[in-house]
Amino acid sequence: MYIHVHRCRLALPNAVHGAFFVDPTGTLEVELAGKTEPLHANLAELSFWPDEIGDCRLCCGQHWQLRLKPDDAQSLQGLISDAREELASLHRDL
């Protein structure tokens, strides 16, 4: 199993660089430039919502949310889907 990584610049107004680490065991860690503590989430808690200006909001329940550009949101959704499938495949093999 590999941790999948996506690096991008968040959409305005934050526009900071972020690194998203998707672990096939079901977790996400987000490191944001200028922040000392990363954000954590279980993949089951995540949701993606389009916003009014064409960007996408990545939400972790009521804990936190980030605004992403549509292409970055789509890439991250793909990595999360791949990680979920990888874990399911591992469970089937066991």
N, C-alpha and C. Protein backbone atom coordinates (compact mmCIF):
# COMPACT_ATOMS: atom_id res chain seq x y z
N MET A 1 0.84 -1.19 0.00
CA MET A 1 0.00 0.00 0.00
C MET A 1 0.87 1.24 0.00
N TYR A 2 0.46 2.21 -0.75
CA TYR A 2 1.18 3.46 -0.85
C TYR A 2 0.28 4.61 -0.43
N ILE A 3 0.87 5.61 0.17
CA ILE A 3 0.14 6.84 0.47
C ILE A 3 0.14 7.68 -0.80
N HIS A 4 -1.03 8.09 -1.24
CA HIS A 4 -1.18 8.89 -2.44
C HIS A 4 -1.06 10.36 -2.06
N VAL A 5 -0.32 11.13 -2.86
CA VAL A 5 -0.06 12.54 -2.54
C VAL A 5 -0.55 13.43 -3.68
N HIS A 6 -1.21 14.51 -3.30
CA HIS A 6 -1.61 15.54 -4.26
C HIS A 6 -1.19 16.89 -3.69
N ARG A 7 -0.44 17.64 -4.47
CA ARG A 7 -0.01 18.98 -4.05
C ARG A 7 -0.68 20.01 -4.94
N CYS A 8 -1.17 21.07 -4.33
CA CYS A 8 -1.83 22.11 -5.11
C CYS A 8 -1.85 23.41 -4.32
N ARG A 9 -2.30 24.43 -5.00
CA ARG A 9 -2.52 25.73 -4.36
C ARG A 9 -4.03 25.87 -4.17
N LEU A 10 -4.46 26.16 -2.95
CA LEU A 10 -5.88 26.31 -2.67
C LEU A 10 -6.45 27.48 -3.45
N ALA A 11 -7.74 27.44 -3.69
CA ALA A 11 -8.41 28.54 -4.38
C ALA A 11 -8.48 29.75 -3.45
N LEU A 12 -8.68 30.91 -4.05
CA LEU A 12 -8.81 32.14 -3.26
C LEU A 12 -9.99 32.01 -2.30
N PRO A 13 -10.04 32.62 -1.17
CA PRO A 13 -9.15 33.67 -0.69
C PRO A 13 -7.89 33.16 0.00
N ASN A 14 -7.82 31.87 0.37
CA ASN A 14 -6.64 31.37 1.08
C ASN A 14 -5.41 31.33 0.19
N ALA A 15 -5.50 30.67 -0.95
CA ALA A 15 -4.45 30.57 -1.95
C ALA A 15 -3.10 30.17 -1.39
N VAL A 16 -3.08 29.29 -0.39
CA VAL A 16 -1.81 28.77 0.13
C VAL A 16 -1.56 27.41 -0.50
N HIS A 17 -0.31 27.00 -0.47
CA HIS A 17 0.03 25.68 -0.99
C HIS A 17 -0.36 24.62 0.02
N GLY A 18 -0.87 23.51 -0.48
CA GLY A 18 -1.27 22.41 0.38
C GLY A 18 -0.78 21.09 -0.17
N ALA A 19 -0.51 20.17 0.73
CA ALA A 19 -0.15 18.81 0.36
C ALA A 19 -1.17 17.87 1.00
N PHE A 20 -1.80 17.05 0.19
CA PHE A 20 -2.86 16.14 0.64
C PHE A 20 -2.30 14.72 0.59
N PHE A 21 -2.30 14.04 1.71
CA PHE A 21 -1.79 12.68 1.82
C PHE A 21 -2.95 11.74 2.09
N VAL A 22 -3.28 10.93 1.08
CA VAL A 22 -4.40 9.99 1.17
C VAL A 22 -3.84 8.62 1.48
N ASP A 23 -4.18 8.11 2.67
CA ASP A 23 -3.70 6.81 3.11
C ASP A 23 -4.79 5.77 2.84
N PRO A 24 -4.46 4.69 2.15
CA PRO A 24 -5.46 3.66 1.85
C PRO A 24 -6.10 3.03 3.08
N THR A 25 -5.54 3.24 4.25
CA THR A 25 -6.18 2.71 5.46
C THR A 25 -7.39 3.55 5.87
N GLY A 26 -7.65 4.65 5.14
CA GLY A 26 -8.87 5.41 5.36
C GLY A 26 -8.69 6.78 5.98
N THR A 27 -7.51 7.36 5.87
CA THR A 27 -7.29 8.69 6.46
C THR A 27 -6.73 9.67 5.45
N LEU A 28 -6.94 10.93 5.73
CA LEU A 28 -6.40 12.03 4.94
C LEU A 28 -5.68 12.97 5.89
N GLU A 29 -4.51 13.40 5.48
CA GLU A 29 -3.78 14.43 6.22
C GLU A 29 -3.48 15.55 5.24
N VAL A 30 -3.71 16.80 5.68
CA VAL A 30 -3.49 17.96 4.83
C VAL A 30 -2.49 18.88 5.52
N GLU A 31 -1.38 19.12 4.85
CA GLU A 31 -0.38 20.07 5.35
C GLU A 31 -0.52 21.35 4.55
N LEU A 32 -0.75 22.45 5.25
CA LEU A 32 -0.91 23.75 4.60
C LEU A 32 0.29 24.63 4.91
N ALA A 33 0.79 25.33 3.89
CA ALA A 33 1.93 26.24 4.08
C ALA A 33 1.56 27.28 5.14
N GLY A 34 2.48 27.50 6.07
CA GLY A 34 2.27 28.49 7.11
C GLY A 34 1.55 27.97 8.34
N LYS A 35 1.08 26.74 8.31
CA LYS A 35 0.38 26.14 9.46
C LYS A 35 1.29 25.10 10.10
N THR A 36 1.32 25.08 11.41
CA THR A 36 2.19 24.13 12.10
C THR A 36 1.55 22.77 12.29
N GLU A 37 0.23 22.73 12.41
CA GLU A 37 -0.47 21.47 12.63
C GLU A 37 -1.24 21.07 11.37
N PRO A 38 -1.09 19.82 10.93
CA PRO A 38 -1.85 19.38 9.76
C PRO A 38 -3.32 19.13 10.12
N LEU A 39 -4.16 19.13 9.11
CA LEU A 39 -5.57 18.77 9.27
C LEU A 39 -5.69 17.27 9.06
N HIS A 40 -6.55 16.63 9.83
CA HIS A 40 -6.75 15.18 9.74
C HIS A 40 -8.23 14.88 9.49
N ALA A 41 -8.48 13.77 8.80
CA ALA A 41 -9.85 13.35 8.57
C ALA A 41 -9.89 11.87 8.22
N ASN A 42 -10.98 11.25 8.55
CA ASN A 42 -11.27 9.92 8.02
C ASN A 42 -11.92 10.13 6.66
N LEU A 43 -11.60 9.27 5.71
CA LEU A 43 -12.15 9.44 4.36
C LEU A 43 -13.68 9.42 4.37
N ALA A 44 -14.27 8.68 5.31
CA ALA A 44 -15.73 8.60 5.39
C ALA A 44 -16.35 9.93 5.79
N GLU A 45 -15.60 10.81 6.42
CA GLU A 45 -16.11 12.11 6.87
C GLU A 45 -16.07 13.17 5.78
N LEU A 46 -15.40 12.91 4.68
CA LEU A 46 -15.16 13.93 3.66
C LEU A 46 -16.32 14.05 2.69
N SER A 47 -16.56 15.28 2.26
CA SER A 47 -17.54 15.54 1.21
C SER A 47 -17.03 16.69 0.35
N PHE A 48 -17.42 16.68 -0.90
CA PHE A 48 -17.06 17.73 -1.85
C PHE A 48 -18.34 18.42 -2.30
N TRP A 49 -18.32 19.75 -2.28
CA TRP A 49 -19.49 20.54 -2.66
C TRP A 49 -19.06 21.65 -3.60
N PRO A 50 -19.76 21.83 -4.72
CA PRO A 50 -19.46 22.99 -5.56
C PRO A 50 -19.92 24.26 -4.85
N ASP A 51 -19.19 25.34 -5.04
CA ASP A 51 -19.62 26.59 -4.43
C ASP A 51 -20.11 27.55 -5.51
N GLU A 52 -20.53 28.70 -5.08
CA GLU A 52 -21.21 29.65 -5.96
C GLU A 52 -20.31 30.27 -7.02
N ILE A 53 -18.99 30.22 -6.86
CA ILE A 53 -18.12 30.85 -7.86
C ILE A 53 -17.37 29.84 -8.73
N GLY A 54 -17.78 28.57 -8.67
CA GLY A 54 -17.20 27.56 -9.54
C GLY A 54 -16.08 26.76 -8.93
N ASP A 55 -15.69 27.07 -7.70
CA ASP A 55 -14.69 26.26 -7.01
C ASP A 55 -15.40 25.11 -6.31
N CYS A 56 -14.64 24.33 -5.56
CA CYS A 56 -15.20 23.19 -4.85
C CYS A 56 -14.76 23.26 -3.40
N ARG A 57 -15.66 22.97 -2.49
CA ARG A 57 -15.32 22.94 -1.07
C ARG A 57 -15.13 21.50 -0.63
N LEU A 58 -13.99 21.25 -0.01
CA LEU A 58 -13.72 19.97 0.63
C LEU A 58 -14.05 20.15 2.10
N CYS A 59 -15.03 19.40 2.58
CA CYS A 59 -15.48 19.54 3.96
C CYS A 59 -15.22 18.26 4.74
N CYS A 60 -14.81 18.44 5.97
CA CYS A 60 -14.66 17.33 6.91
C CYS A 60 -15.69 17.55 8.02
N GLY A 61 -16.90 17.09 7.77
CA GLY A 61 -17.98 17.30 8.73
C GLY A 61 -18.08 18.76 9.11
N GLN A 62 -18.15 19.02 10.39
CA GLN A 62 -18.19 20.39 10.91
C GLN A 62 -16.81 20.85 11.38
N HIS A 63 -15.78 20.04 11.14
CA HIS A 63 -14.44 20.33 11.68
C HIS A 63 -13.68 21.36 10.87
N TRP A 64 -13.63 21.21 9.56
CA TRP A 64 -12.89 22.15 8.72
C TRP A 64 -13.37 22.03 7.27
N GLN A 65 -13.04 23.05 6.49
CA GLN A 65 -13.31 23.02 5.05
C GLN A 65 -12.26 23.83 4.32
N LEU A 66 -11.99 23.41 3.09
CA LEU A 66 -11.01 24.08 2.24
C LEU A 66 -11.63 24.31 0.87
N ARG A 67 -11.25 25.40 0.24
CA ARG A 67 -11.74 25.68 -1.11
C ARG A 67 -10.66 25.25 -2.10
N LEU A 68 -11.06 24.39 -3.04
CA LEU A 68 -10.15 23.87 -4.06
C LEU A 68 -10.60 24.30 -5.44
N LYS A 69 -9.64 24.36 -6.35
CA LYS A 69 -9.98 24.57 -7.75
C LYS A 69 -10.60 23.27 -8.28
N PRO A 70 -11.50 23.34 -9.26
CA PRO A 70 -12.20 22.14 -9.73
C PRO A 70 -11.28 21.00 -10.16
N ASP A 71 -10.19 21.31 -10.86
CA ASP A 71 -9.28 20.25 -11.31
C ASP A 71 -8.60 19.56 -10.13
N ASP A 72 -8.23 20.34 -9.12
CA ASP A 72 -7.60 19.76 -7.93
C ASP A 72 -8.59 18.91 -7.15
N ALA A 73 -9.83 19.36 -7.05
CA ALA A 73 -10.86 18.59 -6.36
C ALA A 73 -11.09 17.26 -7.07
N GLN A 74 -11.13 17.30 -8.40
CA GLN A 74 -11.34 16.09 -9.17
C GLN A 74 -10.17 15.12 -9.00
N SER A 75 -8.94 15.62 -8.99
CA SER A 75 -7.77 14.77 -8.79
C SER A 75 -7.79 14.14 -7.40
N LEU A 76 -8.13 14.94 -6.40
CA LEU A 76 -8.18 14.43 -5.03
C LEU A 76 -9.29 13.39 -4.88
N GLN A 77 -10.44 13.62 -5.50
CA GLN A 77 -11.51 12.63 -5.46
C GLN A 77 -11.06 11.32 -6.10
N GLY A 78 -10.29 11.41 -7.18
CA GLY A 78 -9.76 10.21 -7.82
C GLY A 78 -8.80 9.46 -6.92
N LEU A 79 -7.93 10.19 -6.21
CA LEU A 79 -6.99 9.54 -5.29
C LEU A 79 -7.73 8.87 -4.14
N ILE A 80 -8.76 9.51 -3.63
CA ILE A 80 -9.55 8.93 -2.55
C ILE A 80 -10.26 7.67 -3.03
N SER A 81 -10.81 7.72 -4.23
CA SER A 81 -11.46 6.55 -4.81
C SER A 81 -10.47 5.41 -5.00
N ASP A 82 -9.28 5.73 -5.51
CA ASP A 82 -8.24 4.71 -5.69
C ASP A 82 -7.83 4.10 -4.35
N ALA A 83 -7.70 4.93 -3.32
CA ALA A 83 -7.30 4.44 -2.00
C ALA A 83 -8.38 3.52 -1.43
N ARG A 84 -9.63 3.89 -1.60
CA ARG A 84 -10.72 3.04 -1.10
C ARG A 84 -10.73 1.69 -1.82
N GLU A 85 -10.52 1.72 -3.14
CA GLU A 85 -10.48 0.48 -3.91
C GLU A 85 -9.28 -0.37 -3.50
N GLU A 86 -8.16 0.26 -3.26
CA GLU A 86 -6.96 -0.46 -2.83
C GLU A 86 -7.21 -1.18 -1.50
N LEU A 87 -7.85 -0.50 -0.57
CA LEU A 87 -8.16 -1.12 0.73
C LEU A 87 -9.16 -2.24 0.56
N ALA A 88 -10.18 -2.03 -0.27
CA ALA A 88 -11.17 -3.09 -0.51
C ALA A 88 -10.51 -4.31 -1.15
N SER A 89 -9.60 -4.09 -2.07
CA SER A 89 -8.89 -5.19 -2.72
C SER A 89 -8.03 -5.95 -1.72
N LEU A 90 -7.38 -5.21 -0.84
CA LEU A 90 -6.56 -5.85 0.19
C LEU A 90 -7.44 -6.71 1.10
N HIS A 91 -8.61 -6.23 1.47
CA HIS A 91 -9.53 -6.99 2.32
C HIS A 91 -10.02 -8.25 1.60
N ARG A 92 -10.28 -8.12 0.30
CA ARG A 92 -10.72 -9.30 -0.46
C ARG A 92 -9.61 -10.35 -0.52
N ASP A 93 -8.35 -9.89 -0.64
CA ASP A 93 -7.23 -10.82 -0.73
C ASP A 93 -6.95 -11.54 0.58
N LEU A 94 -7.35 -10.91 1.67
CA LEU A 94 -7.14 -11.56 2.98
C LEU A 94 -8.17 -12.63 3.18
